[in-house]
């Protein structure tokens, strides 16, 4: 579990997870193209995520494709939540996302009116 927290502690690694979640099977090279750092630096981040079990790398010919594995995050969630807190935290995050979306839409609407 410590490896998962360590892996999630770095913003670039969280961004890699976001990219892989949005595009399952994304090529390693395509992930690297989203960063201004060296390919080797990105590959090290990918390795940390793999070691934590958050990414699965599949070799297809000469290509390496990445997939997100949510199981380690689910294990953390399960460890520190109860049935009661799961119910209410789900409701609260739904409200949070709705308010954020409405705020964003309002801000974009205000920008267009200016």
C-alpha atoms as a PDB file:
ATOM      1  CA  UNK A   1       0.000   0.000   0.000  1.00  0.00           C
ATOM      2  CA  UNK A   2       2.928   2.341   0.666  1.00  0.00           C
ATOM      3  CA  UNK A   3       4.021   1.951  -2.961  1.00  0.00           C
ATOM      4  CA  UNK A   4       0.595   3.166  -4.140  1.00  0.00           C
ATOM      5  CA  UNK A   5       0.786   6.289  -1.980  1.00  0.00           C
ATOM      6  CA  UNK A   6       4.351   6.940  -3.125  1.00  0.00           C
ATOM      7  CA  UNK A   7       3.332   6.515  -6.758  1.00  0.00           C
ATOM      8  CA  UNK A   8       0.357   8.869  -6.402  1.00  0.00           C
ATOM      9  CA  UNK A   9       2.445  11.504  -4.598  1.00  0.00           C
ATOM     10  CA  UNK A  10       3.952  12.873  -7.836  1.00  0.00           C
ATOM     11  CA  UNK A  11       1.869  15.095 -10.139  1.00  0.00           C
ATOM     12  CA  UNK A  12       3.410  13.658 -13.321  1.00  0.00           C
ATOM     13  CA  UNK A  13       2.481  10.137 -12.279  1.00  0.00           C
ATOM     14  CA  UNK A  14      -1.078  11.208 -11.575  1.00  0.00           C
ATOM     15  CA  UNK A  15      -1.167  12.810 -15.027  1.00  0.00           C
ATOM     16  CA  UNK A  16       0.101   9.565 -16.570  1.00  0.00           C
ATOM     17  CA  UNK A  17      -2.715   7.683 -14.824  1.00  0.00           C
ATOM     18  CA  UNK A  18      -5.220  10.216 -16.158  1.00  0.00           C
ATOM     19  CA  UNK A  19      -3.902   9.756 -19.702  1.00  0.00           C
ATOM     20  CA  UNK A  20      -4.016   5.962 -19.473  1.00  0.00           C
ATOM     21  CA  UNK A  21      -7.502   5.998 -17.928  1.00  0.00           C
ATOM     22  CA  UNK A  22      -8.774   8.255 -20.735  1.00  0.00           C
ATOM     23  CA  UNK A  23      -7.104   6.145 -23.451  1.00  0.00           C
ATOM     24  CA  UNK A  24      -6.777   2.489 -22.410  1.00  0.00           C
ATOM     25  CA  UNK A  25      -4.047   0.803 -24.426  1.00  0.00           C
ATOM     26  CA  UNK A  26      -2.222   4.070 -25.098  1.00  0.00           C
ATOM     27  CA  UNK A  27       1.296   3.596 -26.427  1.00  0.00           C
ATOM     28  CA  UNK A  28       4.163   4.432 -24.097  1.00  0.00           C
ATOM     29  CA  UNK A  29       5.550   6.835 -26.719  1.00  0.00           C
ATOM     30  CA  UNK A  30       2.243   8.691 -26.842  1.00  0.00           C
ATOM     31  CA  UNK A  31       2.306   9.119 -23.074  1.00  0.00           C
ATOM     32  CA  UNK A  32       5.855  10.467 -23.270  1.00  0.00           C
ATOM     33  CA  UNK A  33       4.798  13.053 -25.851  1.00  0.00           C
ATOM     34  CA  UNK A  34       2.580  14.782 -23.248  1.00  0.00           C
ATOM     35  CA  UNK A  35       5.542  15.757 -21.064  1.00  0.00           C
ATOM     36  CA  UNK A  36       8.308  18.305 -21.455  1.00  0.00           C
ATOM     37  CA  UNK A  37      10.780  16.051 -19.660  1.00  0.00           C
ATOM     38  CA  UNK A  38      12.965  13.353 -21.159  1.00  0.00           C
ATOM     39  CA  UNK A  39      11.548  10.035 -22.276  1.00  0.00           C
ATOM     40  CA  UNK A  40      13.704   8.325 -19.650  1.00  0.00           C
ATOM     41  CA  UNK A  41      12.147  10.436 -16.869  1.00  0.00           C
ATOM     42  CA  UNK A  42       8.639   9.492 -18.035  1.00  0.00           C
ATOM     43  CA  UNK A  43       9.623   5.823 -18.294  1.00  0.00           C
ATOM     44  CA  UNK A  44      10.857   5.948 -14.688  1.00  0.00           C
ATOM     45  CA  UNK A  45       7.477   7.338 -13.615  1.00  0.00           C
ATOM     46  CA  UNK A  46       5.724   4.587 -15.573  1.00  0.00           C
ATOM     47  CA  UNK A  47       7.903   1.999 -13.824  1.00  0.00           C
ATOM     48  CA  UNK A  48       6.964   3.385 -10.385  1.00  0.00           C
ATOM     49  CA  UNK A  49       3.279   3.142 -11.342  1.00  0.00           C
ATOM     50  CA  UNK A  50       3.781  -0.428 -12.568  1.00  0.00           C
ATOM     51  CA  UNK A  51       5.628  -1.412  -9.396  1.00  0.00           C
ATOM     52  CA  UNK A  52       2.687  -0.079  -7.373  1.00  0.00           C
ATOM     53  CA  UNK A  53       0.293  -2.136  -9.490  1.00  0.00           C
ATOM     54  CA  UNK A  54      -1.466   0.942 -10.885  1.00  0.00           C
ATOM     55  CA  UNK A  55      -0.419   0.339 -14.491  1.00  0.00           C
ATOM     56  CA  UNK A  56      -0.244  -2.776 -16.586  1.00  0.00           C
ATOM     57  CA  UNK A  57       2.112  -2.769 -19.551  1.00  0.00           C
ATOM     58  CA  UNK A  58       1.337  -5.066 -22.467  1.00  0.00           C
ATOM     59  CA  UNK A  59       3.751  -5.745 -25.278  1.00  0.00           C
ATOM     60  CA  UNK A  60       2.136  -5.961 -28.715  1.00  0.00           C
ATOM     61  CA  UNK A  61       4.897  -6.667 -31.211  1.00  0.00           C
ATOM     62  CA  UNK A  62       7.381  -3.842 -30.743  1.00  0.00           C
ATOM     63  CA  UNK A  63       4.796  -1.588 -29.149  1.00  0.00           C
ATOM     64  CA  UNK A  64       4.152  -1.285 -25.417  1.00  0.00           C
ATOM     65  CA  UNK A  65       0.607  -0.369 -24.417  1.00  0.00           C
ATOM     66  CA  UNK A  66      -0.530   0.779 -20.999  1.00  0.00           C
ATOM     67  CA  UNK A  67      -3.699   0.013 -19.055  1.00  0.00           C
ATOM     68  CA  UNK A  68      -4.956   1.394 -15.752  1.00  0.00           C
ATOM     69  CA  UNK A  69      -5.464  -1.017 -12.857  1.00  0.00           C
ATOM     70  CA  UNK A  70      -7.861   0.530 -10.318  1.00  0.00           C
ATOM     71  CA  UNK A  71      -7.656  -2.386  -7.867  1.00  0.00           C
ATOM     72  CA  UNK A  72      -4.922  -0.887  -5.613  1.00  0.00           C
ATOM     73  CA  UNK A  73      -6.900   2.354  -5.267  1.00  0.00           C
ATOM     74  CA  UNK A  74     -10.059   0.371  -4.497  1.00  0.00           C
ATOM     75  CA  UNK A  75      -8.186  -1.514  -1.776  1.00  0.00           C
ATOM     76  CA  UNK A  76      -7.224   1.783  -0.128  1.00  0.00           C
ATOM     77  CA  UNK A  77     -10.802   3.011  -0.405  1.00  0.00           C
ATOM     78  CA  UNK A  78     -12.169  -0.203   1.099  1.00  0.00           C
ATOM     79  CA  UNK A  79      -9.712  -0.077   3.994  1.00  0.00           C
ATOM     80  CA  UNK A  80     -10.784   3.334   5.274  1.00  0.00           C
ATOM     81  CA  UNK A  81     -14.458   3.520   4.481  1.00  0.00           C
ATOM     82  CA  UNK A  82     -17.507   1.965   6.038  1.00  0.00           C
ATOM     83  CA  UNK A  83     -20.836   1.260   4.368  1.00  0.00           C
ATOM     84  CA  UNK A  84     -22.229   4.403   5.983  1.00  0.00           C
ATOM     85  CA  UNK A  85     -19.370   6.660   4.870  1.00  0.00           C
ATOM     86  CA  UNK A  86     -19.410   5.161   1.347  1.00  0.00           C
ATOM     87  CA  UNK A  87     -23.049   6.139   0.963  1.00  0.00           C
ATOM     88  CA  UNK A  88     -22.594   9.730   2.109  1.00  0.00           C
ATOM     89  CA  UNK A  89     -19.220  10.317   0.474  1.00  0.00           C
ATOM     90  CA  UNK A  90     -20.742   9.226  -2.834  1.00  0.00           C
ATOM     91  CA  UNK A  91     -23.515  11.777  -2.434  1.00  0.00           C
ATOM     92  CA  UNK A  92     -21.080  14.500  -1.407  1.00  0.00           C
ATOM     93  CA  UNK A  93     -18.727  13.930  -4.341  1.00  0.00           C
ATOM     94  CA  UNK A  94     -21.695  14.000  -6.724  1.00  0.00           C
ATOM     95  CA  UNK A  95     -22.665  17.392  -5.339  1.00  0.00           C
ATOM     96  CA  UNK A  96     -19.065  18.603  -5.531  1.00  0.00           C
ATOM     97  CA  UNK A  97     -18.712  17.574  -9.190  1.00  0.00           C
ATOM     98  CA  UNK A  98     -22.061  19.160 -10.075  1.00  0.00           C
ATOM     99  CA  UNK A  99     -21.133  22.473  -8.408  1.00  0.00           C
ATOM    100  CA  UNK A 100     -17.712  22.484 -10.092  1.00  0.00           C
ATOM    101  CA  UNK A 101     -19.305  21.829 -13.488  1.00  0.00           C
ATOM    102  CA  UNK A 102     -21.899  24.565 -13.004  1.00  0.00           C
ATOM    103  CA  UNK A 103     -19.202  26.997 -11.840  1.00  0.00           C
ATOM    104  CA  UNK A 104     -17.071  26.184 -14.874  1.00  0.00           C
ATOM    105  CA  UNK A 105     -20.044  26.622 -17.220  1.00  0.00           C
ATOM    106  CA  UNK A 106     -20.916  29.921 -15.532  1.00  0.00           C
ATOM    107  CA  UNK A 107     -17.311  31.173 -15.828  1.00  0.00           C
ATOM    108  CA  UNK A 108     -17.122  30.203 -19.494  1.00  0.00           C
ATOM    109  CA  UNK A 109     -20.479  31.878 -20.095  1.00  0.00           C
ATOM    110  CA  UNK A 110     -19.191  35.054 -18.404  1.00  0.00           C
ATOM    111  CA  UNK A 111     -16.042  35.016 -20.569  1.00  0.00           C
ATOM    112  CA  UNK A 112     -18.131  34.859 -23.725  1.00  0.00           C
ATOM    113  CA  UNK A 113     -20.367  37.720 -22.549  1.00  0.00           C
ATOM    114  CA  UNK A 114     -17.361  40.017 -21.927  1.00  0.00           C
END
